[in-house]
């Protein structure tokens, strides 16, 4: 089951215009059937003084059907929004305002993940849409208090986060993405 990123109701700006970055649920559903959408994803990590990953944050969520799944920070990039702004917004939304993420100096992701509604096309699936996601490893230094639809964040060792057991609990093939993230920073031995 895919993560549902709800869109709030469009709100007027000071000039009275509707924020073109937000889509109604109907508009979003129509667009998802016609175009790939751009997402950012973040694997939150804690690092030691040398920059070595010591733990990986994995979110626990309940699906609409009441199933418990694990995932990472993920969300759409809005029209007119920079990748850095989208990444920061989703980190704050999922981990809370006191997480204090250290955004990467470069906007180049460690991987581009392509999600398809049809299983088997790639390692990643999303039953709602075709989506392209830019994935980042992001150190966080503060206190994480999940918000929105995340129930908790579990901090695991890199080996635990890359295990088959955790991968089997992750939605849409994100276990493979976590493994790729950890490999990209030399955290898997």
Protein backbone atom coordinates (compact mmCIF):
# COMPACT_ATOMS: atom_id res chain seq x y z
CA UNK A 1 0.00 0.00 0.00
CA UNK A 2 1.36 3.42 -0.91
CA UNK A 3 1.81 6.36 1.41
CA UNK A 4 -0.98 8.85 1.03
CA UNK A 5 0.25 12.43 1.08
CA UNK A 6 -2.88 14.52 1.62
CA UNK A 7 -3.24 17.91 0.01
CA UNK A 8 -4.79 20.59 2.19
CA UNK A 9 -7.62 22.69 0.88
CA UNK A 10 -6.32 25.46 -1.39
CA UNK A 11 -5.86 28.65 0.61
CA UNK A 12 -5.87 32.13 -0.82
CA UNK A 13 -2.69 34.19 -0.73
CA UNK A 14 -2.76 37.83 0.42
CA UNK A 15 -3.69 38.88 -3.14
CA UNK A 16 -6.75 36.62 -3.10
CA UNK A 17 -5.36 34.06 -5.58
CA UNK A 18 -5.55 30.33 -4.93
CA UNK A 19 -2.18 28.70 -4.24
CA UNK A 20 -1.43 26.94 -7.54
CA UNK A 21 0.95 24.55 -5.73
CA UNK A 22 -1.92 22.68 -4.07
CA UNK A 23 -4.30 20.47 -5.98
CA UNK A 24 -7.76 19.38 -4.98
CA UNK A 25 -8.18 15.63 -4.44
CA UNK A 26 -10.05 15.38 -7.76
CA UNK A 27 -7.35 17.30 -9.67
CA UNK A 28 -4.60 15.21 -8.11
CA UNK A 29 -6.34 11.95 -9.01
CA UNK A 30 -6.79 13.10 -12.63
CA UNK A 31 -3.17 14.18 -12.93
CA UNK A 32 -1.90 10.94 -11.38
CA UNK A 33 -3.59 9.02 -14.23
CA UNK A 34 -1.85 11.12 -16.90
CA UNK A 35 1.58 12.27 -15.73
CA UNK A 36 4.43 11.05 -13.57
CA UNK A 37 4.68 13.18 -10.43
CA UNK A 38 7.91 14.38 -8.81
CA UNK A 39 8.61 13.41 -5.21
CA UNK A 40 11.47 13.77 -2.74
CA UNK A 41 12.33 11.07 -0.23
CA UNK A 42 14.67 11.23 2.73
CA UNK A 43 16.31 8.53 4.78
CA UNK A 44 16.85 10.25 8.16
CA UNK A 45 20.09 9.25 9.87
CA UNK A 46 22.12 10.08 12.95
CA UNK A 47 25.85 10.45 12.43
CA UNK A 48 28.89 10.51 14.71
CA UNK A 49 31.54 13.24 14.77
CA UNK A 50 33.28 11.72 11.74
CA UNK A 51 30.08 11.65 9.69
CA UNK A 52 29.58 7.88 9.96
CA UNK A 53 25.96 6.74 10.10
CA UNK A 54 25.19 5.33 13.55
CA UNK A 55 21.41 4.92 13.22
CA UNK A 56 18.64 5.11 10.66
CA UNK A 57 15.15 6.48 11.30
CA UNK A 58 12.27 4.44 9.92
CA UNK A 59 8.68 5.67 10.24
CA UNK A 60 5.78 3.48 11.36
CA UNK A 61 2.41 4.23 9.76
CA UNK A 62 -1.04 2.73 9.70
CA UNK A 63 -2.65 2.31 6.28
CA UNK A 64 -6.27 3.15 5.53
CA UNK A 65 -7.00 -0.56 6.02
CA UNK A 66 -5.40 -0.51 9.48
CA UNK A 67 -2.23 -2.36 8.47
CA UNK A 68 1.06 -1.28 10.02
CA UNK A 69 3.85 -0.49 7.57
CA UNK A 70 7.27 1.10 7.70
CA UNK A 71 8.44 3.86 5.41
CA UNK A 72 10.73 6.85 5.09
CA UNK A 73 10.06 10.57 4.72
CA UNK A 74 8.35 11.13 1.36
CA UNK A 75 6.24 13.71 -0.41
CA UNK A 76 5.48 15.63 -3.58
CA UNK A 77 7.37 18.62 -4.88
CA UNK A 78 4.89 21.45 -5.39
CA UNK A 79 4.75 23.69 -8.44
CA UNK A 80 7.28 26.49 -8.01
CA UNK A 81 8.94 24.82 -5.01
CA UNK A 82 12.68 24.12 -4.94
CA UNK A 83 13.89 20.61 -4.16
CA UNK A 84 15.54 21.87 -0.97
CA UNK A 85 12.31 23.53 0.17
CA UNK A 86 10.29 20.39 -0.59
CA UNK A 87 12.79 18.20 1.25
CA UNK A 88 12.79 20.49 4.29
CA UNK A 89 8.97 20.76 4.30
CA UNK A 90 8.50 16.98 4.26
CA UNK A 91 11.19 16.37 6.88
CA UNK A 92 9.53 18.88 9.20
CA UNK A 93 6.06 17.51 8.42
CA UNK A 94 7.03 13.90 9.13
CA UNK A 95 9.67 14.32 11.88
CA UNK A 96 8.50 17.48 13.63
CA UNK A 97 9.93 21.01 13.81
CA UNK A 98 12.66 20.09 16.31
CA UNK A 99 14.32 17.40 14.12
CA UNK A 100 16.87 19.93 12.81
CA UNK A 101 17.73 18.21 9.52
CA UNK A 102 21.07 18.99 7.87
CA UNK A 103 20.12 19.25 4.22
CA UNK A 104 22.76 18.11 1.75
CA UNK A 105 24.92 20.85 0.22
CA UNK A 106 24.08 19.52 -3.25
CA UNK A 107 20.61 18.88 -4.63
CA UNK A 108 21.93 15.79 -6.45
CA UNK A 109 20.20 12.73 -4.95
CA UNK A 110 21.93 9.44 -4.13
CA UNK A 111 19.31 7.75 -6.33
CA UNK A 112 16.38 8.43 -8.61
CA UNK A 113 13.62 5.94 -7.84
CA UNK A 114 10.84 5.38 -10.33
CA UNK A 115 7.56 4.08 -8.90
CA UNK A 116 5.02 2.35 -11.14
CA UNK A 117 1.45 1.23 -10.45
CA UNK A 118 2.26 -2.11 -12.10
CA UNK A 119 4.51 -4.42 -10.03
CA UNK A 120 7.62 -5.74 -11.76
CA UNK A 121 8.42 -2.71 -13.93
CA UNK A 122 10.94 -1.50 -11.33
CA UNK A 123 11.87 -2.31 -7.74
CA UNK A 124 9.41 0.36 -6.59
CA UNK A 125 5.62 0.38 -6.74
CA UNK A 126 2.84 2.85 -5.99
CA UNK A 127 -0.65 1.61 -6.80
CA UNK A 128 -1.89 5.19 -7.34
CA UNK A 129 0.52 6.50 -9.94
CA UNK A 130 3.73 6.65 -11.89
CA UNK A 131 6.08 8.76 -9.77
CA UNK A 132 9.71 9.78 -9.96
CA UNK A 133 11.42 10.32 -6.63
CA UNK A 134 14.72 11.99 -5.84
CA UNK A 135 16.13 10.24 -2.76
CA UNK A 136 18.48 11.75 -0.17
CA UNK A 137 20.26 10.69 3.00
CA UNK A 138 19.66 13.45 5.55
CA UNK A 139 21.32 13.64 8.97
CA UNK A 140 19.06 14.94 11.73
CA UNK A 141 20.44 16.36 14.96
CA UNK A 142 17.36 17.21 17.01
CA UNK A 143 14.42 15.50 18.63
CA UNK A 144 12.09 13.71 16.24
CA UNK A 145 8.40 13.69 17.10
CA UNK A 146 6.51 12.30 14.12
CA UNK A 147 3.48 14.21 12.93
CA UNK A 148 0.81 13.81 10.26
CA UNK A 149 0.12 10.11 9.65
CA UNK A 150 3.40 8.77 11.08
CA UNK A 151 2.85 7.02 14.42
CA UNK A 152 6.48 6.80 15.50
CA UNK A 153 10.06 6.83 14.32
CA UNK A 154 12.21 3.83 15.16
CA UNK A 155 15.98 4.33 15.25
CA UNK A 156 17.85 1.24 14.07
CA UNK A 157 21.43 0.35 13.35
CA UNK A 158 22.29 0.42 9.64
CA UNK A 159 22.40 -3.39 9.64
CA UNK A 160 18.92 -3.64 11.22
CA UNK A 161 17.47 -1.08 8.79
CA UNK A 162 18.92 -3.01 5.84
CA UNK A 163 17.64 -6.39 7.07
CA UNK A 164 15.17 -8.54 5.15
CA UNK A 165 12.73 -8.34 8.09
CA UNK A 166 12.55 -4.54 7.97
CA UNK A 167 12.48 -4.51 4.15
CA UNK A 168 9.45 -6.84 4.21
CA UNK A 169 7.58 -4.30 6.39
CA UNK A 170 8.36 -1.37 4.09
CA UNK A 171 5.88 -0.25 1.47
CA UNK A 172 6.48 0.13 -2.24
CA UNK A 173 9.96 -1.43 -2.25
CA UNK A 174 11.42 1.21 0.03
CA UNK A 175 13.52 -1.44 1.76
CA UNK A 176 15.67 -1.51 -1.39
CA UNK A 177 15.87 2.28 -1.28
CA UNK A 178 17.07 2.22 2.35
CA UNK A 179 19.74 -0.32 1.42
CA UNK A 180 20.85 1.86 -1.50
CA UNK A 181 20.94 4.91 0.80
CA UNK A 182 23.14 3.16 3.33
CA UNK A 183 25.42 1.79 0.62
CA UNK A 184 25.77 5.31 -0.85
CA UNK A 185 27.25 6.60 2.42
CA UNK A 186 29.37 3.52 3.16
CA UNK A 187 27.22 2.40 6.10
CA UNK A 188 26.85 -1.22 4.97
CA UNK A 189 29.81 -3.54 5.39
